[in-house]
Amino acid sequence: MFAHNGKRLLALIEVFDGRLIIRLYLVTGRYGGSGRMPTFAFMVMEKRIQADRLRALIEPAVAHLGFEVVDIEFISGQKTLRIYIDGPQGVVVDDCARVSRQVSALFDVEDPIPGQYTLEISSPGLDRPLARRGDFERFAGSLVKVKTVAPVDGRRNFQGRLIALVGENVVLEADETRYDLAFDNIEKARLVPEL
């Protein structure tokens, strides 16, 4: 962690797929004078990095079966890896079973997660997760729920109309106010079904 222009930043450096990746995160809030980053923010970043690595491993196998990986969640308390998939005609139970067998075989060889865990394959559902930049472009105009890592204007939870992805910001209109949320500050985002 370091300070730049009076703001605390955390630099996270990793090598991924032969490339050096440096991610900078704005650190906000109080830390009890310890100077350490709050645990929740660090855990969110670690989960995102783990999900990115798993996505890189899983996507080619899932794409070979004709599906896309929508999102990946690892629920550490339950030791559950949940993979959301979608296809051109949607997803049925047999599709989930095929993907589960393929991913299980891949994990038997690669062993990316130590210890025992439960693998779940699911359709994204009506409240589809939005995880990649392309998701925010594709679903512009939709009603969404967004949770940020660090507060924006004193809040972390937003529900409103997704306007667009502009550069590195997700533009959202909530409570008659426009918010520009940094893509890297988004912990979770989902569509809100409009029935």
N, C-alpha and C. Protein backbone atom coordinates (compact mmCIF):
# COMPACT_ATOMS: atom_id res chain seq x y z
N MET A 1 0.86 -1.16 0.00
CA MET A 1 0.00 0.00 0.00
C MET A 1 0.91 1.23 0.00
N PHE A 2 0.49 2.26 -0.72
CA PHE A 2 1.25 3.50 -0.76
C PHE A 2 0.30 4.66 -0.98
N ALA A 3 0.82 5.87 -0.79
CA ALA A 3 0.01 7.07 -0.98
C ALA A 3 0.46 7.79 -2.26
N HIS A 4 -0.51 8.33 -2.98
CA HIS A 4 -0.24 9.11 -4.18
C HIS A 4 -1.26 10.23 -4.24
N ASN A 5 -0.79 11.47 -4.30
CA ASN A 5 -1.67 12.63 -4.31
C ASN A 5 -2.66 12.61 -3.14
N GLY A 6 -2.18 12.18 -1.99
CA GLY A 6 -3.00 12.19 -0.78
C GLY A 6 -4.01 11.06 -0.69
N LYS A 7 -3.97 10.10 -1.63
CA LYS A 7 -4.90 8.98 -1.61
C LYS A 7 -4.12 7.69 -1.38
N ARG A 8 -4.71 6.80 -0.60
CA ARG A 8 -4.07 5.51 -0.36
C ARG A 8 -4.41 4.56 -1.50
N LEU A 9 -3.40 3.92 -2.04
CA LEU A 9 -3.59 2.97 -3.12
C LEU A 9 -2.97 1.64 -2.74
N LEU A 10 -3.56 0.57 -3.23
CA LEU A 10 -2.99 -0.75 -3.07
C LEU A 10 -2.60 -1.23 -4.45
N ALA A 11 -1.37 -1.66 -4.60
CA ALA A 11 -0.91 -2.23 -5.87
C ALA A 11 -0.88 -3.74 -5.72
N LEU A 12 -1.52 -4.44 -6.61
CA LEU A 12 -1.52 -5.88 -6.62
C LEU A 12 -0.85 -6.30 -7.92
N ILE A 13 0.25 -7.01 -7.80
CA ILE A 13 1.06 -7.37 -8.96
C ILE A 13 1.03 -8.88 -9.12
N GLU A 14 0.78 -9.35 -10.35
CA GLU A 14 0.77 -10.78 -10.62
C GLU A 14 1.20 -11.04 -12.05
N VAL A 15 1.61 -12.25 -12.30
CA VAL A 15 1.91 -12.69 -13.65
C VAL A 15 0.79 -13.64 -14.04
N PHE A 16 0.10 -13.34 -15.12
CA PHE A 16 -1.03 -14.15 -15.56
C PHE A 16 -0.91 -14.36 -17.06
N ASP A 17 -0.90 -15.63 -17.46
CA ASP A 17 -0.84 -15.98 -18.88
C ASP A 17 0.36 -15.31 -19.56
N GLY A 18 1.50 -15.28 -18.85
CA GLY A 18 2.72 -14.73 -19.42
C GLY A 18 2.78 -13.21 -19.43
N ARG A 19 1.77 -12.54 -18.85
CA ARG A 19 1.76 -11.08 -18.83
C ARG A 19 1.86 -10.58 -17.40
N LEU A 20 2.56 -9.49 -17.22
CA LEU A 20 2.63 -8.84 -15.91
C LEU A 20 1.41 -7.94 -15.78
N ILE A 21 0.63 -8.15 -14.73
CA ILE A 21 -0.58 -7.36 -14.51
C ILE A 21 -0.41 -6.61 -13.21
N ILE A 22 -0.59 -5.30 -13.27
CA ILE A 22 -0.54 -4.47 -12.07
C ILE A 22 -1.91 -3.83 -11.92
N ARG A 23 -2.54 -4.10 -10.80
CA ARG A 23 -3.86 -3.52 -10.54
C ARG A 23 -3.72 -2.54 -9.38
N LEU A 24 -4.28 -1.37 -9.54
CA LEU A 24 -4.27 -0.36 -8.48
C LEU A 24 -5.69 -0.21 -7.95
N TYR A 25 -5.82 -0.21 -6.63
CA TYR A 25 -7.11 -0.06 -5.99
C TYR A 25 -7.06 1.13 -5.05
N LEU A 26 -8.06 1.98 -5.13
CA LEU A 26 -8.19 3.09 -4.21
C LEU A 26 -8.70 2.55 -2.88
N VAL A 27 -8.00 2.86 -1.81
CA VAL A 27 -8.36 2.37 -0.48
C VAL A 27 -9.04 3.51 0.26
N THR A 28 -10.25 3.23 0.75
CA THR A 28 -11.00 4.24 1.47
C THR A 28 -11.40 3.69 2.83
N GLY A 29 -11.78 4.55 3.74
CA GLY A 29 -12.27 4.11 5.04
C GLY A 29 -11.20 4.17 6.11
N ARG A 30 -11.60 3.76 7.31
CA ARG A 30 -10.70 3.78 8.46
C ARG A 30 -10.16 2.39 8.72
N TYR A 31 -8.96 2.35 9.25
CA TYR A 31 -8.32 1.06 9.48
C TYR A 31 -7.82 0.94 10.90
N GLY A 32 -8.36 1.73 11.82
CA GLY A 32 -7.94 1.65 13.21
C GLY A 32 -6.49 2.02 13.41
N GLY A 33 -5.93 2.80 12.49
CA GLY A 33 -4.56 3.25 12.62
C GLY A 33 -3.52 2.20 12.29
N SER A 34 -3.96 1.01 11.90
CA SER A 34 -3.00 -0.07 11.65
C SER A 34 -2.27 0.12 10.32
N GLY A 35 -2.87 0.89 9.40
CA GLY A 35 -2.26 1.07 8.08
C GLY A 35 -2.49 -0.12 7.17
N ARG A 36 -3.20 -1.14 7.66
CA ARG A 36 -3.48 -2.31 6.84
C ARG A 36 -4.81 -2.17 6.13
N MET A 37 -4.89 -2.82 5.01
CA MET A 37 -6.11 -2.77 4.22
C MET A 37 -7.21 -3.58 4.90
N PRO A 38 -8.47 -3.12 4.83
CA PRO A 38 -9.54 -3.89 5.44
C PRO A 38 -9.65 -5.28 4.80
N THR A 39 -9.92 -6.26 5.63
CA THR A 39 -9.96 -7.65 5.17
C THR A 39 -10.95 -7.85 4.04
N PHE A 40 -12.16 -7.24 4.14
CA PHE A 40 -13.18 -7.48 3.12
C PHE A 40 -12.71 -7.06 1.74
N ALA A 41 -12.01 -5.93 1.63
CA ALA A 41 -11.56 -5.44 0.32
C ALA A 41 -10.49 -6.36 -0.24
N PHE A 42 -9.58 -6.83 0.62
CA PHE A 42 -8.53 -7.73 0.15
C PHE A 42 -9.13 -9.05 -0.31
N MET A 43 -10.12 -9.56 0.44
CA MET A 43 -10.76 -10.82 0.08
C MET A 43 -11.49 -10.70 -1.25
N VAL A 44 -12.13 -9.57 -1.51
CA VAL A 44 -12.83 -9.37 -2.77
C VAL A 44 -11.84 -9.41 -3.92
N MET A 45 -10.68 -8.74 -3.75
CA MET A 45 -9.68 -8.75 -4.81
C MET A 45 -9.12 -10.15 -5.03
N GLU A 46 -8.87 -10.89 -3.95
CA GLU A 46 -8.35 -12.25 -4.08
C GLU A 46 -9.36 -13.15 -4.80
N LYS A 47 -10.65 -13.01 -4.47
CA LYS A 47 -11.68 -13.80 -5.14
C LYS A 47 -11.73 -13.47 -6.63
N ARG A 48 -11.58 -12.19 -6.96
CA ARG A 48 -11.62 -11.79 -8.37
C ARG A 48 -10.43 -12.38 -9.13
N ILE A 49 -9.25 -12.38 -8.52
CA ILE A 49 -8.07 -12.94 -9.17
C ILE A 49 -8.24 -14.44 -9.35
N GLN A 50 -8.73 -15.13 -8.31
CA GLN A 50 -8.95 -16.57 -8.39
C GLN A 50 -9.98 -16.88 -9.48
N ALA A 51 -11.06 -16.11 -9.54
CA ALA A 51 -12.09 -16.32 -10.56
C ALA A 51 -11.51 -16.09 -11.96
N ASP A 52 -10.65 -15.08 -12.13
CA ASP A 52 -10.02 -14.83 -13.44
C ASP A 52 -9.16 -16.02 -13.87
N ARG A 53 -8.42 -16.59 -12.93
CA ARG A 53 -7.57 -17.75 -13.25
C ARG A 53 -8.42 -18.96 -13.61
N LEU A 54 -9.47 -19.20 -12.83
CA LEU A 54 -10.35 -20.33 -13.12
C LEU A 54 -11.07 -20.13 -14.46
N ARG A 55 -11.48 -18.89 -14.73
CA ARG A 55 -12.15 -18.60 -16.00
C ARG A 55 -11.24 -18.93 -17.19
N ALA A 56 -9.97 -18.54 -17.09
CA ALA A 56 -9.02 -18.82 -18.17
C ALA A 56 -8.84 -20.32 -18.39
N LEU A 57 -8.94 -21.08 -17.33
CA LEU A 57 -8.81 -22.54 -17.43
C LEU A 57 -10.07 -23.18 -17.98
N ILE A 58 -11.23 -22.72 -17.51
CA ILE A 58 -12.51 -23.35 -17.82
C ILE A 58 -13.08 -22.95 -19.18
N GLU A 59 -12.94 -21.67 -19.57
CA GLU A 59 -13.63 -21.16 -20.76
C GLU A 59 -13.40 -21.97 -22.03
N PRO A 60 -12.16 -22.36 -22.35
CA PRO A 60 -11.98 -23.12 -23.60
C PRO A 60 -12.77 -24.44 -23.61
N ALA A 61 -12.80 -25.15 -22.48
CA ALA A 61 -13.52 -26.42 -22.40
C ALA A 61 -15.03 -26.20 -22.53
N VAL A 62 -15.53 -25.16 -21.89
CA VAL A 62 -16.96 -24.87 -21.95
C VAL A 62 -17.35 -24.37 -23.35
N ALA A 63 -16.51 -23.54 -23.95
CA ALA A 63 -16.77 -23.05 -25.31
C ALA A 63 -16.79 -24.19 -26.31
N HIS A 64 -15.93 -25.19 -26.10
CA HIS A 64 -15.90 -26.36 -26.98
C HIS A 64 -17.25 -27.09 -27.00
N LEU A 65 -17.98 -27.00 -25.90
CA LEU A 65 -19.31 -27.63 -25.81
C LEU A 65 -20.41 -26.71 -26.32
N GLY A 66 -20.05 -25.48 -26.72
CA GLY A 66 -21.03 -24.55 -27.29
C GLY A 66 -21.67 -23.60 -26.30
N PHE A 67 -21.03 -23.41 -25.14
CA PHE A 67 -21.59 -22.53 -24.12
C PHE A 67 -20.59 -21.44 -23.76
N GLU A 68 -21.08 -20.40 -23.09
CA GLU A 68 -20.20 -19.36 -22.56
C GLU A 68 -20.24 -19.40 -21.05
N VAL A 69 -19.11 -19.05 -20.43
CA VAL A 69 -19.06 -18.92 -18.98
C VAL A 69 -19.53 -17.52 -18.65
N VAL A 70 -20.63 -17.41 -17.93
CA VAL A 70 -21.19 -16.11 -17.57
C VAL A 70 -20.48 -15.57 -16.34
N ASP A 71 -20.32 -16.42 -15.33
CA ASP A 71 -19.68 -15.98 -14.09
C ASP A 71 -19.19 -17.20 -13.32
N ILE A 72 -18.27 -16.94 -12.39
CA ILE A 72 -17.73 -17.98 -11.52
C ILE A 72 -17.74 -17.43 -10.10
N GLU A 73 -18.25 -18.23 -9.17
CA GLU A 73 -18.25 -17.86 -7.76
C GLU A 73 -17.60 -18.98 -6.97
N PHE A 74 -16.73 -18.62 -6.03
CA PHE A 74 -16.22 -19.60 -5.10
C PHE A 74 -16.68 -19.16 -3.72
N ILE A 75 -17.53 -19.98 -3.11
CA ILE A 75 -18.09 -19.67 -1.80
C ILE A 75 -17.27 -20.46 -0.79
N SER A 76 -16.29 -19.78 -0.18
CA SER A 76 -15.31 -20.48 0.64
C SER A 76 -15.92 -21.11 1.88
N GLY A 77 -16.89 -20.48 2.52
CA GLY A 77 -17.51 -21.04 3.71
C GLY A 77 -18.18 -22.37 3.44
N GLN A 78 -18.73 -22.51 2.23
CA GLN A 78 -19.41 -23.75 1.84
C GLN A 78 -18.51 -24.65 0.99
N LYS A 79 -17.31 -24.16 0.67
CA LYS A 79 -16.38 -24.88 -0.22
C LYS A 79 -17.11 -25.29 -1.50
N THR A 80 -17.76 -24.30 -2.15
CA THR A 80 -18.53 -24.54 -3.36
C THR A 80 -18.02 -23.67 -4.49
N LEU A 81 -17.77 -24.29 -5.64
CA LEU A 81 -17.43 -23.57 -6.86
C LEU A 81 -18.66 -23.60 -7.74
N ARG A 82 -19.23 -22.42 -8.03
CA ARG A 82 -20.44 -22.31 -8.84
C ARG A 82 -20.07 -21.65 -10.16
N ILE A 83 -20.39 -22.32 -11.25
CA ILE A 83 -20.10 -21.80 -12.59
C ILE A 83 -21.43 -21.58 -13.30
N TYR A 84 -21.67 -20.35 -13.74
CA TYR A 84 -22.89 -20.03 -14.48
C TYR A 84 -22.57 -20.08 -15.97
N ILE A 85 -23.40 -20.82 -16.73
CA ILE A 85 -23.19 -20.94 -18.17
C ILE A 85 -24.44 -20.49 -18.91
N ASP A 86 -24.25 -20.14 -20.17
CA ASP A 86 -25.38 -19.80 -21.03
C ASP A 86 -25.07 -20.27 -22.43
N GLY A 87 -26.10 -20.48 -23.22
CA GLY A 87 -25.95 -20.92 -24.60
C GLY A 87 -26.91 -20.19 -25.50
N PRO A 88 -26.74 -20.35 -26.81
CA PRO A 88 -27.60 -19.64 -27.77
C PRO A 88 -29.09 -19.91 -27.57
N GLN A 89 -29.44 -21.14 -27.15
CA GLN A 89 -30.84 -21.49 -26.91
C GLN A 89 -31.13 -21.61 -25.42
N GLY A 90 -30.30 -21.01 -24.59
CA GLY A 90 -30.47 -21.13 -23.15
C GLY A 90 -29.77 -22.38 -22.64
N VAL A 91 -30.14 -22.81 -21.44
CA VAL A 91 -29.48 -23.94 -20.78
C VAL A 91 -30.55 -24.84 -20.16
N VAL A 92 -30.40 -26.15 -20.36
CA VAL A 92 -31.26 -27.13 -19.71
C VAL A 92 -30.39 -28.00 -18.80
N VAL A 93 -31.03 -28.85 -18.01
CA VAL A 93 -30.33 -29.67 -17.03
C VAL A 93 -29.25 -30.55 -17.70
N ASP A 94 -29.56 -31.13 -18.84
CA ASP A 94 -28.58 -31.98 -19.53
C ASP A 94 -27.34 -31.20 -19.93
N ASP A 95 -27.51 -29.92 -20.28
CA ASP A 95 -26.36 -29.07 -20.62
C ASP A 95 -25.46 -28.89 -19.39
N CYS A 96 -26.07 -28.64 -18.25
CA CYS A 96 -25.31 -28.48 -17.01
C CYS A 96 -24.54 -29.75 -16.68
N ALA A 97 -25.17 -30.91 -16.89
CA ALA A 97 -24.52 -32.19 -16.62
C ALA A 97 -23.32 -32.38 -17.55
N ARG A 98 -23.46 -32.06 -18.85
CA ARG A 98 -22.34 -32.20 -19.80
C ARG A 98 -21.18 -31.30 -19.40
N VAL A 99 -21.47 -30.06 -19.06
CA VAL A 99 -20.42 -29.12 -18.66
C VAL A 99 -19.77 -29.58 -17.36
N SER A 100 -20.57 -30.09 -16.43
CA SER A 100 -20.04 -30.58 -15.16
C SER A 100 -19.03 -31.72 -15.38
N ARG A 101 -19.39 -32.67 -16.25
CA ARG A 101 -18.46 -33.77 -16.55
C ARG A 101 -17.17 -33.27 -17.18
N GLN A 102 -17.30 -32.31 -18.10
CA GLN A 102 -16.12 -31.77 -18.78
C GLN A 102 -15.20 -31.02 -17.80
N VAL A 103 -15.79 -30.16 -16.97
CA VAL A 103 -15.01 -29.38 -16.02
C VAL A 103 -14.40 -30.30 -14.96
N SER A 104 -15.14 -31.30 -14.50
CA SER A 104 -14.61 -32.25 -13.51
C SER A 104 -13.38 -32.97 -14.06
N ALA A 105 -13.47 -33.42 -15.30
CA ALA A 105 -12.33 -34.11 -15.92
C ALA A 105 -11.12 -33.17 -16.03
N LEU A 106 -11.38 -31.93 -16.41
CA LEU A 106 -10.31 -30.93 -16.50
C LEU A 106 -9.67 -30.69 -15.13
N PHE A 107 -10.50 -30.55 -14.11
CA PHE A 107 -9.99 -30.30 -12.76
C PHE A 107 -9.25 -31.50 -12.19
N ASP A 108 -9.63 -32.72 -12.61
CA ASP A 108 -8.89 -33.90 -12.17
C ASP A 108 -7.44 -33.84 -12.65
N VAL A 109 -7.23 -33.26 -13.82
CA VAL A 109 -5.88 -33.14 -14.38
C VAL A 109 -5.16 -31.92 -13.82
N GLU A 110 -5.81 -30.76 -13.85
CA GLU A 110 -5.16 -29.49 -13.47
C GLU A 110 -5.13 -29.23 -11.96
N ASP A 111 -6.11 -29.73 -11.22
CA ASP A 111 -6.22 -29.57 -9.78
C ASP A 111 -6.03 -28.10 -9.33
N PRO A 112 -6.90 -27.17 -9.81
CA PRO A 112 -6.71 -25.75 -9.51
C PRO A 112 -7.17 -25.34 -8.11
N ILE A 113 -7.96 -26.19 -7.44
CA ILE A 113 -8.48 -25.85 -6.12
C ILE A 113 -8.06 -26.96 -5.16
N PRO A 114 -7.24 -26.62 -4.16
CA PRO A 114 -6.82 -27.66 -3.22
C PRO A 114 -7.96 -28.12 -2.31
N GLY A 115 -7.93 -29.38 -1.93
CA GLY A 115 -8.92 -29.89 -0.99
C GLY A 115 -10.23 -30.26 -1.67
N GLN A 116 -11.21 -30.59 -0.85
CA GLN A 116 -12.52 -30.98 -1.35
C GLN A 116 -13.41 -29.76 -1.53
N TYR A 117 -14.29 -29.82 -2.51
CA TYR A 117 -15.24 -28.75 -2.78
C TYR A 117 -16.38 -29.33 -3.58
N THR A 118 -17.46 -28.60 -3.66
CA THR A 118 -18.62 -29.00 -4.45
C THR A 118 -18.62 -28.17 -5.73
N LEU A 119 -18.79 -28.82 -6.87
CA LEU A 119 -18.87 -28.14 -8.15
C LEU A 119 -20.34 -28.03 -8.54
N GLU A 120 -20.79 -26.81 -8.80
CA GLU A 120 -22.17 -26.59 -9.25
C GLU A 120 -22.13 -25.88 -10.60
N ILE A 121 -22.92 -26.38 -11.53
CA ILE A 121 -23.07 -25.74 -12.84
C ILE A 121 -24.52 -25.28 -12.93
N SER A 122 -24.73 -24.02 -13.31
CA SER A 122 -26.07 -23.46 -13.29
C SER A 122 -26.28 -22.52 -14.48
N SER A 123 -27.54 -22.36 -14.85
CA SER A 123 -27.87 -21.29 -15.81
C SER A 123 -27.82 -19.98 -15.04
N PRO A 124 -27.65 -18.87 -15.74
CA PRO A 124 -27.57 -17.59 -15.03
C PRO A 124 -28.90 -17.12 -14.45
N GLY A 125 -30.01 -17.64 -14.92
CA GLY A 125 -31.31 -17.25 -14.41
C GLY A 125 -31.72 -15.86 -14.89
N LEU A 126 -32.87 -15.42 -14.44
CA LEU A 126 -33.37 -14.11 -14.85
C LEU A 126 -32.56 -12.98 -14.24
N ASP A 127 -31.98 -13.24 -13.06
CA ASP A 127 -31.14 -12.22 -12.41
C ASP A 127 -29.67 -12.48 -12.73
N ARG A 128 -29.40 -12.61 -14.00
CA ARG A 128 -28.09 -12.95 -14.54
C ARG A 128 -26.98 -12.07 -13.96
N PRO A 129 -25.87 -12.70 -13.54
CA PRO A 129 -24.73 -11.90 -13.08
C PRO A 129 -24.08 -11.16 -14.25
N LEU A 130 -23.56 -9.99 -13.97
CA LEU A 130 -22.79 -9.22 -14.95
C LEU A 130 -21.36 -9.18 -14.42
N ALA A 131 -20.44 -9.79 -15.13
CA ALA A 131 -19.08 -9.92 -14.61
C ALA A 131 -18.02 -9.28 -15.50
N ARG A 132 -18.27 -9.26 -16.80
CA ARG A 132 -17.26 -8.75 -17.73
C ARG A 132 -17.72 -7.45 -18.37
N ARG A 133 -16.79 -6.73 -18.90
CA ARG A 133 -17.12 -5.45 -19.55
C ARG A 133 -18.18 -5.64 -20.63
N GLY A 134 -18.05 -6.70 -21.39
CA GLY A 134 -19.02 -6.98 -22.46
C GLY A 134 -20.43 -7.16 -21.94
N ASP A 135 -20.56 -7.70 -20.71
CA ASP A 135 -21.89 -7.86 -20.12
C ASP A 135 -22.55 -6.50 -19.90
N PHE A 136 -21.78 -5.52 -19.45
CA PHE A 136 -22.32 -4.19 -19.19
C PHE A 136 -22.69 -3.48 -20.50
N GLU A 137 -21.95 -3.76 -21.56
CA GLU A 137 -22.30 -3.20 -22.87
C GLU A 137 -23.57 -3.86 -23.41
N ARG A 138 -23.61 -5.19 -23.32
CA ARG A 138 -24.72 -5.97 -23.87
C ARG A 138 -26.05 -5.64 -23.20
N PHE A 139 -26.04 -5.38 -21.89
CA PHE A 139 -27.28 -5.18 -21.15
C PHE A 139 -27.54 -3.71 -20.81
N ALA A 140 -26.94 -2.80 -21.57
CA ALA A 140 -27.23 -1.37 -21.39
C ALA A 140 -28.74 -1.16 -21.56
N GLY A 141 -29.31 -0.35 -20.68
CA GLY A 141 -30.75 -0.10 -20.70
C GLY A 141 -31.52 -0.97 -19.73
N SER A 142 -30.87 -1.98 -19.18
CA SER A 142 -31.53 -2.90 -18.25
C SER A 142 -31.48 -2.38 -16.82
N LEU A 143 -32.39 -2.89 -16.01
CA LEU A 143 -32.39 -2.60 -14.58
C LEU A 143 -31.38 -3.53 -13.91
N VAL A 144 -30.51 -2.98 -13.05
CA VAL A 144 -29.45 -3.77 -12.43
C VAL A 144 -29.29 -3.44 -10.95
N LYS A 145 -28.69 -4.39 -10.22
CA LYS A 145 -28.23 -4.18 -8.85
C LYS A 145 -26.72 -4.27 -8.89
N VAL A 146 -26.04 -3.32 -8.24
CA VAL A 146 -24.59 -3.30 -8.22
C VAL A 146 -24.12 -3.10 -6.79
N LYS A 147 -23.12 -3.88 -6.40
CA LYS A 147 -22.47 -3.71 -5.10
C LYS A 147 -21.00 -3.39 -5.36
N THR A 148 -20.51 -2.32 -4.74
CA THR A 148 -19.12 -1.91 -4.95
C THR A 148 -18.24 -2.40 -3.81
N VAL A 149 -16.94 -2.47 -4.08
CA VAL A 149 -15.96 -2.85 -3.07
C VAL A 149 -15.82 -1.70 -2.07
N ALA A 150 -15.54 -0.52 -2.58
CA ALA A 150 -15.40 0.68 -1.75
C ALA A 150 -16.62 1.57 -1.96
N PRO A 151 -17.04 2.28 -0.94
CA PRO A 151 -18.22 3.15 -1.08
C PRO A 151 -18.03 4.24 -2.14
N VAL A 152 -19.13 4.57 -2.79
CA VAL A 152 -19.19 5.68 -3.74
C VAL A 152 -20.28 6.61 -3.21
N ASP A 153 -19.91 7.84 -2.94
CA ASP A 153 -20.86 8.80 -2.35
C ASP A 153 -21.52 8.22 -1.10
N GLY A 154 -20.74 7.52 -0.28
CA GLY A 154 -21.22 7.01 0.99
C GLY A 154 -22.04 5.74 0.94
N ARG A 155 -22.13 5.10 -0.21
CA ARG A 155 -22.91 3.87 -0.30
C ARG A 155 -22.22 2.83 -1.16
N ARG A 156 -22.56 1.55 -0.93
CA ARG A 156 -21.97 0.46 -1.69
C ARG A 156 -23.00 -0.28 -2.53
N ASN A 157 -24.28 -0.11 -2.25
CA ASN A 157 -25.34 -0.82 -2.97
C ASN A 157 -26.15 0.15 -3.82
N PHE A 158 -26.35 -0.23 -5.08
CA PHE A 158 -27.07 0.60 -6.03
C PHE A 158 -28.07 -0.27 -6.79
N GLN A 159 -29.23 0.28 -7.08
CA GLN A 159 -30.17 -0.36 -7.99
C GLN A 159 -30.70 0.72 -8.90
N GLY A 160 -30.57 0.48 -10.20
CA GLY A 160 -31.03 1.48 -11.15
C GLY A 160 -30.85 1.00 -12.58
N ARG A 161 -30.96 1.93 -13.50
CA ARG A 161 -30.88 1.64 -14.92
C ARG A 161 -29.42 1.72 -15.37
N LEU A 162 -28.95 0.65 -16.01
CA LEU A 162 -27.60 0.62 -16.57
C LEU A 162 -27.60 1.46 -17.85
N ILE A 163 -26.84 2.54 -17.85
CA ILE A 163 -26.82 3.43 -19.00
C ILE A 163 -25.82 2.94 -20.04
N ALA A 164 -24.57 2.73 -19.61
CA ALA A 164 -23.53 2.31 -20.57
C ALA A 164 -22.25 1.99 -19.83
N LEU A 165 -21.32 1.41 -20.57
CA LEU A 165 -19.94 1.28 -20.12
C LEU A 165 -19.16 2.32 -20.89
N VAL A 166 -18.58 3.27 -20.16
CA VAL A 166 -17.83 4.35 -20.79
C VAL A 166 -16.39 4.28 -20.28
N GLY A 167 -15.48 3.87 -21.14
CA GLY A 167 -14.09 3.70 -20.72
C GLY A 167 -14.01 2.63 -19.65
N GLU A 168 -13.54 3.00 -18.49
CA GLU A 168 -13.41 2.06 -17.36
C GLU A 168 -14.54 2.23 -16.34
N ASN A 169 -15.59 2.99 -16.70
CA ASN A 169 -16.68 3.26 -15.77
C ASN A 169 -18.00 2.66 -16.24
N VAL A 170 -18.73 2.09 -15.29
CA VAL A 170 -20.09 1.64 -15.53
C VAL A 170 -20.98 2.80 -15.12
N VAL A 171 -21.77 3.30 -16.07
CA VAL A 171 -22.64 4.44 -15.82
C VAL A 171 -24.03 3.91 -15.48
N LEU A 172 -24.52 4.35 -14.32
CA LEU A 172 -25.77 3.85 -13.78
C LEU A 172 -26.60 5.04 -13.32
N GLU A 173 -27.91 4.98 -13.58
CA GLU A 173 -28.82 6.00 -13.05
C GLU A 173 -29.67 5.36 -11.97
N ALA A 174 -29.49 5.84 -10.74
CA ALA A 174 -30.23 5.31 -9.59
C ALA A 174 -30.75 6.48 -8.76
N ASP A 175 -31.97 6.40 -8.35
CA ASP A 175 -32.58 7.45 -7.53
C ASP A 175 -32.44 8.82 -8.18
N GLU A 176 -32.65 8.87 -9.50
CA GLU A 176 -32.58 10.11 -10.29
C GLU A 176 -31.21 10.76 -10.24
N THR A 177 -30.17 9.97 -9.96
CA THR A 177 -28.80 10.46 -9.93
C THR A 177 -27.94 9.57 -10.82
N ARG A 178 -27.04 10.18 -11.55
CA ARG A 178 -26.12 9.42 -12.40
C ARG A 178 -24.86 9.10 -11.59
N TYR A 179 -24.44 7.83 -11.64
CA TYR A 179 -23.24 7.39 -10.96
C TYR A 179 -22.28 6.80 -11.98
N ASP A 180 -21.03 7.19 -11.90
CA ASP A 180 -19.96 6.60 -12.70
C ASP A 180 -19.17 5.69 -11.77
N LEU A 181 -19.38 4.40 -11.88
CA LEU A 181 -18.75 3.43 -10.99
C LEU A 181 -17.57 2.79 -11.71
N ALA A 182 -16.40 2.87 -11.11
CA ALA A 182 -15.21 2.26 -11.70
C ALA A 182 -15.43 0.75 -11.83
N PHE A 183 -15.17 0.21 -13.00
CA PHE A 183 -15.38 -1.22 -13.24
C PHE A 183 -14.64 -2.05 -12.21
N ASP A 184 -13.41 -1.68 -11.88
CA ASP A 184 -12.61 -2.45 -10.92
C ASP A 184 -13.12 -2.32 -9.49
N ASN A 185 -14.05 -1.40 -9.23
CA ASN A 185 -14.62 -1.23 -7.90
C ASN A 185 -15.92 -2.03 -7.73
N ILE A 186 -16.33 -2.73 -8.76
CA ILE A 186 -17.58 -3.48 -8.69
C ILE A 186 -17.32 -4.87 -8.13
N GLU A 187 -17.96 -5.15 -6.99
CA GLU A 187 -17.84 -6.47 -6.36
C GLU A 187 -18.79 -7.46 -7.01
N LYS A 188 -20.06 -7.04 -7.18
CA LYS A 188 -21.09 -7.89 -7.78
C LYS A 188 -22.05 -7.00 -8.55
N ALA A 189 -22.57 -7.58 -9.62
CA ALA A 189 -23.63 -6.89 -10.37
C ALA A 189 -24.55 -7.95 -10.96
N ARG A 190 -25.84 -7.67 -10.95
CA ARG A 190 -26.83 -8.61 -11.49
C ARG A 190 -27.95 -7.84 -12.18
N LEU A 191 -28.58 -8.48 -13.16
CA LEU A 191 -29.78 -7.95 -13.74
C LEU A 191 -30.91 -8.06 -12.72
N VAL A 192 -31.84 -7.14 -12.78
CA VAL A 192 -33.06 -7.22 -11.99
C VAL A 192 -34.18 -7.52 -12.97
N PRO A 193 -34.83 -8.68 -12.81
CA PRO A 193 -35.89 -9.05 -13.76
C PRO A 193 -37.02 -8.02 -13.77
N GLU A 194 -37.44 -7.67 -14.97
CA GLU A 194 -38.56 -6.75 -15.14
C GLU A 194 -39.70 -7.55 -15.72
N LEU A 195 -40.59 -7.99 -14.88
CA LEU A 195 -41.69 -8.87 -15.31
C LEU A 195 -42.94 -8.11 -15.60
